[in-house]
Amino acid sequence: MPRRAIGYDAPMLKLDKDGAIARLLIDRPERHNAMNLAMWQALPDLLAQAVGDDDVRAIVLTSATPGLFCAGADISEMLAAREDRGLRAATQEAINAAQSALAQCPKPLVAMVDGDAIGGGCGLILACHMRVATSRARFGITPARLGLAYPLHDTALLVDLVGPGQARRLMLTGMLIGAEEALRIGLIEEIGESAHEALRAIVANSAFTHAATLHTIARVIAGQGQEDEASLALFASAFDGADFAARAEGFFKRKG
């Protein structure tokens, strides 16, 4: 099925659909895909359109241009924010809203990185559920090079992935690491030329289970460690669901 645009395209962000997969594309190659205020503000609405499309089973965040991912937040706007408190507040609010929208996405969200994911660009992938990178990818958390502070939300996501020791190493040194090192420390889950295989496997599985899994993992990350009434009810509800009935029947037909 050919790709088609869905919703509207925001300046320098695009959303299209390829069958059951929606692609959220960063498209500002002349600035190495640096995210400006308009892009941060547009991201939650575009993501919501993909989530609201019942045909979409998985979402991939990537670049419209091979060899690029995202150089981070737009430095020219960050410099302007020194003198403009309104711009500073608007930018902080927009970044927080975009990152929260990604992190709380109720459908599987995969980052596909080809090129540099630096600073805020690395923050984007931290908020996704899975990360696939090509061997050309590089990663860095670089606020220390500019005398800035990384957002607490993004720092928490980094610590959840790589642990406090590696988070300190990346943030205190501002070093760039390659895909192999990122895989070793847990910053990414897979090295490959595309996320096709992961997305294909996701789309083949149960949407109910995806939603339940993402919800449960979010609770675990937030500190939930014991079963409670809500978790037990979620487990039990699966047996009454259409997904289980259809898939169990199909399983026995294949076995027979």
C-alpha atoms as a PDB file:
ATOM      1  CA  MET A   1       0.000   0.000   0.000  1.00  0.00           C
ATOM      2  CA  PRO A   2       1.455   3.396  -0.907  1.00  0.00           C
ATOM      3  CA  ARG A   3       2.176   5.878   1.847  1.00  0.00           C
ATOM      4  CA  ARG A   4      -0.301   8.688   2.253  1.00  0.00           C
ATOM      5  CA  ALA A   5      -0.372  11.789   4.379  1.00  0.00           C
ATOM      6  CA  ILE A   6      -2.829  11.844   7.274  1.00  0.00           C
ATOM      7  CA  GLY A   7      -3.995  14.960   9.042  1.00  0.00           C
ATOM      8  CA  TYR A   8      -1.911  18.003   8.336  1.00  0.00           C
ATOM      9  CA  ASP A   9       1.802  18.520   8.001  1.00  0.00           C
ATOM     10  CA  ALA A  10       3.219  21.013  10.479  1.00  0.00           C
ATOM     11  CA  PRO A  11       6.218  23.086   9.414  1.00  0.00           C
ATOM     12  CA  MET A  12       9.202  20.740   9.353  1.00  0.00           C
ATOM     13  CA  LEU A  13       7.255  17.821  10.849  1.00  0.00           C
ATOM     14  CA  LYS A  14       5.263  15.394   8.711  1.00  0.00           C
ATOM     15  CA  LEU A  15       2.939  12.511   9.392  1.00  0.00           C
ATOM     16  CA  ASP A  16       2.203   9.790   6.875  1.00  0.00           C
ATOM     17  CA  LYS A  17       0.767   6.302   6.929  1.00  0.00           C
ATOM     18  CA  ASP A  18       1.975   3.066   5.381  1.00  0.00           C
ATOM     19  CA  GLY A  19      -0.668   0.443   6.057  1.00  0.00           C
ATOM     20  CA  ALA A  20      -0.864  -0.077   9.822  1.00  0.00           C
ATOM     21  CA  ILE A  21       2.267   2.004  10.491  1.00  0.00           C
ATOM     22  CA  ALA A  22       2.285   5.778  10.929  1.00  0.00           C
ATOM     23  CA  ARG A  23       5.549   7.667  10.415  1.00  0.00           C
ATOM     24  CA  LEU A  24       6.269  10.879  12.284  1.00  0.00           C
ATOM     25  CA  LEU A  25       9.014  12.497  10.230  1.00  0.00           C
ATOM     26  CA  ILE A  26      11.414  15.251  11.278  1.00  0.00           C
ATOM     27  CA  ASP A  27      12.023  17.309   8.151  1.00  0.00           C
ATOM     28  CA  ARG A  28      14.385  20.247   8.623  1.00  0.00           C
ATOM     29  CA  PRO A  29      17.554  19.022   6.920  1.00  0.00           C
ATOM     30  CA  GLU A  30      19.055  22.482   6.383  1.00  0.00           C
ATOM     31  CA  ARG A  31      19.386  22.768  10.200  1.00  0.00           C
ATOM     32  CA  HIS A  32      20.244  19.098  10.818  1.00  0.00           C
ATOM     33  CA  ASN A  33      16.649  18.563  11.956  1.00  0.00           C
ATOM     34  CA  ALA A  34      17.076  20.849  14.971  1.00  0.00           C
ATOM     35  CA  MET A  35      13.738  21.256  16.763  1.00  0.00           C
ATOM     36  CA  ASN A  36      12.385  24.783  16.993  1.00  0.00           C
ATOM     37  CA  LEU A  37       9.419  26.007  19.031  1.00  0.00           C
ATOM     38  CA  ALA A  38       6.887  25.421  16.240  1.00  0.00           C
ATOM     39  CA  MET A  39       8.049  21.825  15.867  1.00  0.00           C
ATOM     40  CA  TRP A  40       7.860  21.090  19.597  1.00  0.00           C
ATOM     41  CA  GLN A  41       4.370  22.613  19.680  1.00  0.00           C
ATOM     42  CA  ALA A  42       3.151  20.649  16.660  1.00  0.00           C
ATOM     43  CA  LEU A  43       4.427  17.248  17.756  1.00  0.00           C
ATOM     44  CA  PRO A  44       1.681  16.335  20.298  1.00  0.00           C
ATOM     45  CA  ASP A  45      -1.122  17.077  17.820  1.00  0.00           C
ATOM     46  CA  LEU A  46       0.485  15.051  15.049  1.00  0.00           C
ATOM     47  CA  LEU A  47       1.090  12.157  17.419  1.00  0.00           C
ATOM     48  CA  ALA A  48      -2.525  12.355  18.605  1.00  0.00           C
ATOM     49  CA  GLN A  49      -3.707  12.023  15.007  1.00  0.00           C
ATOM     50  CA  ALA A  50      -1.737   8.800  14.610  1.00  0.00           C
ATOM     51  CA  VAL A  51      -3.037   7.483  17.929  1.00  0.00           C
ATOM     52  CA  GLY A  52      -6.612   8.382  16.971  1.00  0.00           C
ATOM     53  CA  ASP A  53      -6.464   6.479  13.669  1.00  0.00           C
ATOM     54  CA  ASP A  54      -7.910   3.032  14.385  1.00  0.00           C
ATOM     55  CA  ASP A  55      -6.003   1.541  11.454  1.00  0.00           C
ATOM     56  CA  VAL A  56      -2.632   2.555  12.930  1.00  0.00           C
ATOM     57  CA  ARG A  57      -1.076  -0.202  15.019  1.00  0.00           C
ATOM     58  CA  ALA A  58       2.435   1.202  15.459  1.00  0.00           C
ATOM     59  CA  ILE A  59       4.207   4.550  15.087  1.00  0.00           C
ATOM     60  CA  VAL A  60       7.806   5.206  14.058  1.00  0.00           C
ATOM     61  CA  LEU A  61       9.621   8.461  14.809  1.00  0.00           C
ATOM     62  CA  THR A  62      12.382   9.079  12.296  1.00  0.00           C
ATOM     63  CA  SER A  63      13.876  11.576   9.869  1.00  0.00           C
ATOM     64  CA  ALA A  64      12.590  12.379   6.401  1.00  0.00           C
ATOM     65  CA  THR A  65      16.240  12.576   5.279  1.00  0.00           C
ATOM     66  CA  PRO A  66      18.553   9.528   5.389  1.00  0.00           C
ATOM     67  CA  GLY A  67      21.701  10.091   7.431  1.00  0.00           C
ATOM     68  CA  LEU A  68      20.074  12.661   9.736  1.00  0.00           C
ATOM     69  CA  PHE A  69      18.074  12.269  12.895  1.00  0.00           C
ATOM     70  CA  CYS A  70      18.021  15.342  15.126  1.00  0.00           C
ATOM     71  CA  ALA A  71      20.751  17.730  16.287  1.00  0.00           C
ATOM     72  CA  GLY A  72      18.648  18.770  19.269  1.00  0.00           C
ATOM     73  CA  ALA A  73      16.886  21.993  20.145  1.00  0.00           C
ATOM     74  CA  ASP A  74      17.437  25.010  17.889  1.00  0.00           C
ATOM     75  CA  ILE A  75      20.441  26.860  19.339  1.00  0.00           C
ATOM     76  CA  SER A  76      19.430  30.173  17.745  1.00  0.00           C
ATOM     77  CA  GLU A  77      16.128  30.078  19.643  1.00  0.00           C
ATOM     78  CA  MET A  78      17.927  29.094  22.829  1.00  0.00           C
ATOM     79  CA  LEU A  79      20.151  32.156  22.475  1.00  0.00           C
ATOM     80  CA  ALA A  80      17.109  34.351  21.863  1.00  0.00           C
ATOM     81  CA  ALA A  81      15.502  32.935  25.014  1.00  0.00           C
ATOM     82  CA  ARG A  82      18.291  34.513  27.080  1.00  0.00           C
ATOM     83  CA  GLU A  83      16.680  37.892  26.525  1.00  0.00           C
ATOM     84  CA  ASP A  84      13.057  36.804  26.106  1.00  0.00           C
ATOM     85  CA  ARG A  85      11.507  35.204  29.177  1.00  0.00           C
ATOM     86  CA  GLY A  86       8.266  34.598  27.295  1.00  0.00           C
ATOM     87  CA  LEU A  87      10.051  32.598  24.619  1.00  0.00           C
ATOM     88  CA  ARG A  88      11.950  30.704  27.302  1.00  0.00           C
ATOM     89  CA  ALA A  89       8.733  29.731  29.105  1.00  0.00           C
ATOM     90  CA  ALA A  90       6.949  28.812  25.879  1.00  0.00           C
ATOM     91  CA  THR A  91       9.862  26.642  24.752  1.00  0.00           C
ATOM     92  CA  GLN A  92      10.094  24.837  28.090  1.00  0.00           C
ATOM     93  CA  GLU A  93       6.345  24.213  28.098  1.00  0.00           C
ATOM     94  CA  ALA A  94       6.373  22.946  24.501  1.00  0.00           C
ATOM     95  CA  ILE A  95       9.328  20.611  25.056  1.00  0.00           C
ATOM     96  CA  ASN A  96       7.741  19.170  28.197  1.00  0.00           C
ATOM     97  CA  ALA A  97       4.412  18.663  26.413  1.00  0.00           C
ATOM     98  CA  ALA A  98       6.056  16.973  23.417  1.00  0.00           C
ATOM     99  CA  GLN A  99       8.169  14.662  25.552  1.00  0.00           C
ATOM    100  CA  SER A 100       5.211  13.741  27.747  1.00  0.00           C
ATOM    101  CA  ALA A 101       3.083  12.985  24.681  1.00  0.00           C
ATOM    102  CA  LEU A 102       5.745  10.644  23.325  1.00  0.00           C
ATOM    103  CA  ALA A 103       6.375   8.929  26.663  1.00  0.00           C
ATOM    104  CA  GLN A 104       2.649   8.408  27.306  1.00  0.00           C
ATOM    105  CA  CYS A 105       1.778   7.256  23.797  1.00  0.00           C
ATOM    106  CA  PRO A 106      -0.716   4.384  24.148  1.00  0.00           C
ATOM    107  CA  LYS A 107       0.387   2.706  20.898  1.00  0.00           C
ATOM    108  CA  PRO A 108       3.832   1.173  20.305  1.00  0.00           C
ATOM    109  CA  LEU A 109       6.255   3.956  19.391  1.00  0.00           C
ATOM    110  CA  VAL A 110       9.629   3.096  17.838  1.00  0.00           C
ATOM    111  CA  ALA A 111      12.486   5.536  17.185  1.00  0.00           C
ATOM    112  CA  MET A 112      14.514   4.799  14.050  1.00  0.00           C
ATOM    113  CA  VAL A 113      17.835   6.658  14.220  1.00  0.00           C
ATOM    114  CA  ASP A 114      20.130   7.123  11.228  1.00  0.00           C
ATOM    115  CA  GLY A 115      22.659   9.839  12.020  1.00  0.00           C
ATOM    116  CA  ASP A 116      23.134  11.995  15.100  1.00  0.00           C
ATOM    117  CA  ALA A 117      20.678  12.098  18.003  1.00  0.00           C
ATOM    118  CA  ILE A 118      22.122  14.859  20.155  1.00  0.00           C
ATOM    119  CA  GLY A 119      20.765  16.727  23.189  1.00  0.00           C
ATOM    120  CA  GLY A 120      17.045  17.225  22.615  1.00  0.00           C
ATOM    121  CA  GLY A 121      17.278  14.803  19.701  1.00  0.00           C
ATOM    122  CA  CYS A 122      18.434  12.133  22.110  1.00  0.00           C
ATOM    123  CA  GLY A 123      15.601  13.206  24.399  1.00  0.00           C
ATOM    124  CA  LEU A 124      13.119  12.363  21.637  1.00  0.00           C
ATOM    125  CA  ILE A 125      14.309   8.781  21.404  1.00  0.00           C
ATOM    126  CA  LEU A 126      14.446   8.397  25.192  1.00  0.00           C
ATOM    127  CA  ALA A 127      10.694   9.039  25.256  1.00  0.00           C
ATOM    128  CA  CYS A 128       9.935   6.306  22.698  1.00  0.00           C
ATOM    129  CA  HIS A 129       9.138   2.722  23.664  1.00  0.00           C
ATOM    130  CA  MET A 130      11.901   1.161  21.545  1.00  0.00           C
ATOM    131  CA  ARG A 131      14.976   2.437  19.736  1.00  0.00           C
ATOM    132  CA  VAL A 132      16.556   1.013  16.566  1.00  0.00           C
ATOM    133  CA  ALA A 133      19.682   2.618  15.097  1.00  0.00           C
ATOM    134  CA  THR A 134      21.875   2.143  12.076  1.00  0.00           C
ATOM    135  CA  SER A 135      25.603   1.611  12.494  1.00  0.00           C
ATOM    136  CA  ARG A 136      26.065   5.256  11.444  1.00  0.00           C
ATOM    137  CA  ALA A 137      24.097   6.634  14.379  1.00  0.00           C
ATOM    138  CA  ARG A 138      25.692   8.661  17.162  1.00  0.00           C
ATOM    139  CA  PHE A 139      24.227   9.719  20.485  1.00  0.00           C
ATOM    140  CA  GLY A 140      25.050  12.450  22.968  1.00  0.00           C
ATOM    141  CA  ILE A 141      23.583  14.359  25.914  1.00  0.00           C
ATOM    142  CA  THR A 142      25.445  17.643  25.541  1.00  0.00           C
ATOM    143  CA  PRO A 143      24.026  20.422  27.800  1.00  0.00           C
ATOM    144  CA  ALA A 144      27.357  20.546  29.673  1.00  0.00           C
ATOM    145  CA  ARG A 145      29.002  21.861  26.514  1.00  0.00           C
ATOM    146  CA  LEU A 146      26.613  24.823  26.510  1.00  0.00           C
ATOM    147  CA  GLY A 147      26.207  25.437  30.230  1.00  0.00           C
ATOM    148  CA  LEU A 148      22.573  24.292  30.215  1.00  0.00           C
ATOM    149  CA  ALA A 149      20.540  21.899  32.366  1.00  0.00           C
ATOM    150  CA  TYR A 150      18.863  18.826  30.885  1.00  0.00           C
ATOM    151  CA  PRO A 151      15.131  18.464  31.736  1.00  0.00           C
ATOM    152  CA  LEU A 152      14.331  16.291  34.739  1.00  0.00           C
ATOM    153  CA  HIS A 153      11.807  14.231  32.749  1.00  0.00           C
ATOM    154  CA  ASP A 154      14.366  13.391  30.064  1.00  0.00           C
ATOM    155  CA  THR A 155      17.030  12.679  32.676  1.00  0.00           C
ATOM    156  CA  ALA A 156      14.687  10.250  34.414  1.00  0.00           C
ATOM    157  CA  LEU A 157      14.074   8.456  31.110  1.00  0.00           C
ATOM    158  CA  LEU A 158      17.841   8.240  30.544  1.00  0.00           C
ATOM    159  CA  VAL A 159      18.468   6.827  34.017  1.00  0.00           C
ATOM    160  CA  ASP A 160      15.682   4.272  33.518  1.00  0.00           C
ATOM    161  CA  LEU A 161      17.411   3.042  30.351  1.00  0.00           C
ATOM    162  CA  VAL A 162      21.114   3.095  31.191  1.00  0.00           C
ATOM    163  CA  GLY A 163      21.294   3.456  34.979  1.00  0.00           C
ATOM    164  CA  PRO A 164      22.657   6.374  37.019  1.00  0.00           C
ATOM    165  CA  GLY A 165      26.339   5.620  36.392  1.00  0.00           C
ATOM    166  CA  GLN A 166      26.110   5.669  32.607  1.00  0.00           C
ATOM    167  CA  ALA A 167      23.738   8.643  32.761  1.00  0.00           C
ATOM    168  CA  ARG A 168      26.345  10.595  34.733  1.00  0.00           C
ATOM    169  CA  ARG A 169      29.073   9.569  32.305  1.00  0.00           C
ATOM    170  CA  LEU A 170      27.108  10.723  29.266  1.00  0.00           C
ATOM    171  CA  MET A 171      25.917  13.959  30.827  1.00  0.00           C
ATOM    172  CA  LEU A 172      29.075  15.033  32.654  1.00  0.00           C
ATOM    173  CA  THR A 173      31.378  14.368  29.695  1.00  0.00           C
ATOM    174  CA  GLY A 174      29.012  15.412  26.907  1.00  0.00           C
ATOM    175  CA  MET A 175      30.672  12.670  24.868  1.00  0.00           C
ATOM    176  CA  LEU A 176      29.244  11.223  21.663  1.00  0.00           C
ATOM    177  CA  ILE A 177      28.941   7.459  21.443  1.00  0.00           C
ATOM    178  CA  GLY A 178      28.318   5.173  18.478  1.00  0.00           C
ATOM    179  CA  ALA A 179      25.616   2.601  17.956  1.00  0.00           C
ATOM    180  CA  GLU A 180      27.609  -0.333  19.346  1.00  0.00           C
ATOM    181  CA  GLU A 181      28.325   1.516  22.589  1.00  0.00           C
ATOM    182  CA  ALA A 182      24.704   2.685  22.796  1.00  0.00           C
ATOM    183  CA  LEU A 183      23.544  -0.917  22.430  1.00  0.00           C
ATOM    184  CA  ARG A 184      25.996  -2.122  25.086  1.00  0.00           C
ATOM    185  CA  ILE A 185      24.799   0.316  27.733  1.00  0.00           C
ATOM    186  CA  GLY A 186      21.103  -0.079  26.906  1.00  0.00           C
ATOM    187  CA  LEU A 187      20.460   3.277  25.257  1.00  0.00           C
ATOM    188  CA  ILE A 188      19.118   1.484  22.175  1.00  0.00           C
ATOM    189  CA  GLU A 189      17.652  -1.988  21.757  1.00  0.00           C
ATOM    190  CA  GLU A 190      18.727  -2.919  18.231  1.00  0.00           C
ATOM    191  CA  ILE A 191      21.161  -2.052  15.445  1.00  0.00           C
ATOM    192  CA  GLY A 192      19.779  -2.384  11.930  1.00  0.00           C
ATOM    193  CA  GLU A 193      19.282  -0.594   8.664  1.00  0.00           C
ATOM    194  CA  SER A 194      15.565  -0.150   9.345  1.00  0.00           C
ATOM    195  CA  ALA A 195      12.948  -0.784  12.009  1.00  0.00           C
ATOM    196  CA  HIS A 196      10.898  -2.862   9.557  1.00  0.00           C
ATOM    197  CA  GLU A 197      11.278  -6.205  11.317  1.00  0.00           C
ATOM    198  CA  ALA A 198      10.406  -4.827  14.735  1.00  0.00           C
ATOM    199  CA  LEU A 199       7.401  -2.954  13.352  1.00  0.00           C
ATOM    200  CA  ARG A 200       6.222  -5.986  11.393  1.00  0.00           C
ATOM    201  CA  ALA A 201       6.337  -8.118  14.543  1.00  0.00           C
ATOM    202  CA  ILE A 202       4.483  -5.467  16.542  1.00  0.00           C
ATOM    203  CA  VAL A 203       1.717  -5.104  13.942  1.00  0.00           C
ATOM    204  CA  ALA A 204       1.219  -8.885  13.871  1.00  0.00           C
ATOM    205  CA  ASN A 205       0.464  -9.008  17.591  1.00  0.00           C
ATOM    206  CA  SER A 206      -2.502  -8.057  19.756  1.00  0.00           C
ATOM    207  CA  ALA A 207      -3.426  -4.385  20.112  1.00  0.00           C
ATOM    208  CA  PHE A 208      -5.036  -5.203  23.470  1.00  0.00           C
ATOM    209  CA  THR A 209      -1.794  -6.731  24.727  1.00  0.00           C
ATOM    210  CA  HIS A 210       0.194  -3.744  23.453  1.00  0.00           C
ATOM    211  CA  ALA A 211      -1.985  -1.313  25.386  1.00  0.00           C
ATOM    212  CA  ALA A 212      -1.898  -3.475  28.511  1.00  0.00           C
ATOM    213  CA  THR A 213       1.880  -3.904  28.285  1.00  0.00           C
ATOM    214  CA  LEU A 214       2.601  -0.203  27.863  1.00  0.00           C
ATOM    215  CA  HIS A 215       0.250   0.662  30.720  1.00  0.00           C
ATOM    216  CA  THR A 216       1.779  -1.940  33.044  1.00  0.00           C
ATOM    217  CA  ILE A 217       5.391  -1.007  32.256  1.00  0.00           C
ATOM    218  CA  ALA A 218       4.553   2.663  32.891  1.00  0.00           C
ATOM    219  CA  ARG A 219       3.226   1.684  36.319  1.00  0.00           C
ATOM    220  CA  VAL A 220       6.350  -0.347  37.071  1.00  0.00           C
ATOM    221  CA  ILE A 221       8.593   2.566  36.086  1.00  0.00           C
ATOM    222  CA  ALA A 222       6.518   4.815  38.354  1.00  0.00           C
ATOM    223  CA  GLY A 223       7.252   2.488  41.278  1.00  0.00           C
ATOM    224  CA  GLN A 224       4.443  -0.079  41.255  1.00  0.00           C
ATOM    225  CA  GLY A 225       5.845  -3.479  42.184  1.00  0.00           C
ATOM    226  CA  GLN A 226       2.938  -5.458  43.591  1.00  0.00           C
ATOM    227  CA  GLU A 227      -0.335  -6.612  42.088  1.00  0.00           C
ATOM    228  CA  ASP A 228      -3.351  -4.527  43.029  1.00  0.00           C
ATOM    229  CA  GLU A 229      -7.038  -4.466  42.132  1.00  0.00           C
ATOM    230  CA  ALA A 230      -6.404  -2.607  38.872  1.00  0.00           C
ATOM    231  CA  SER A 231      -3.615  -4.894  37.660  1.00  0.00           C
ATOM    232  CA  LEU A 232      -5.559  -8.042  38.541  1.00  0.00           C
ATOM    233  CA  ALA A 233      -8.624  -6.699  36.731  1.00  0.00           C
ATOM    234  CA  LEU A 234      -6.549  -5.915  33.644  1.00  0.00           C
ATOM    235  CA  PHE A 235      -5.146  -9.462  33.590  1.00  0.00           C
ATOM    236  CA  ALA A 236      -8.598 -11.004  34.011  1.00  0.00           C
ATOM    237  CA  SER A 237     -10.229  -8.782  31.382  1.00  0.00           C
ATOM    238  CA  ALA A 238      -8.070 -10.265  28.621  1.00  0.00           C
ATOM    239  CA  PHE A 239      -9.931 -13.587  28.814  1.00  0.00           C
ATOM    240  CA  ASP A 240     -13.217 -11.881  27.939  1.00  0.00           C
ATOM    241  CA  GLY A 241     -11.712  -9.915  25.065  1.00  0.00           C
ATOM    242  CA  ALA A 242     -12.245 -10.420  21.345  1.00  0.00           C
ATOM    243  CA  ASP A 243      -8.485 -10.478  20.729  1.00  0.00           C
ATOM    244  CA  PHE A 244      -7.940 -13.511  22.938  1.00  0.00           C
ATOM    245  CA  ALA A 245     -10.945 -15.383  21.574  1.00  0.00           C
ATOM    246  CA  ALA A 246      -9.919 -14.905  17.945  1.00  0.00           C
ATOM    247  CA  ARG A 247      -6.231 -15.545  18.487  1.00  0.00           C
ATOM    248  CA  ALA A 248      -6.742 -18.620  20.673  1.00  0.00           C
ATOM    249  CA  GLU A 249      -9.122 -20.097  18.113  1.00  0.00           C
ATOM    250  CA  GLY A 250      -6.624 -19.392  15.354  1.00  0.00           C
ATOM    251  CA  PHE A 251      -3.853 -21.006  17.406  1.00  0.00           C
ATOM    252  CA  PHE A 252      -5.762 -24.273  17.789  1.00  0.00           C
ATOM    253  CA  LYS A 253      -6.719 -24.309  14.120  1.00  0.00           C
ATOM    254  CA  ARG A 254      -3.053 -24.017  13.194  1.00  0.00           C
ATOM    255  CA  LYS A 255      -2.114 -26.747  15.667  1.00  0.00           C
ATOM    256  CA  GLY A 256      -4.803 -29.002  14.249  1.00  0.00           C
END
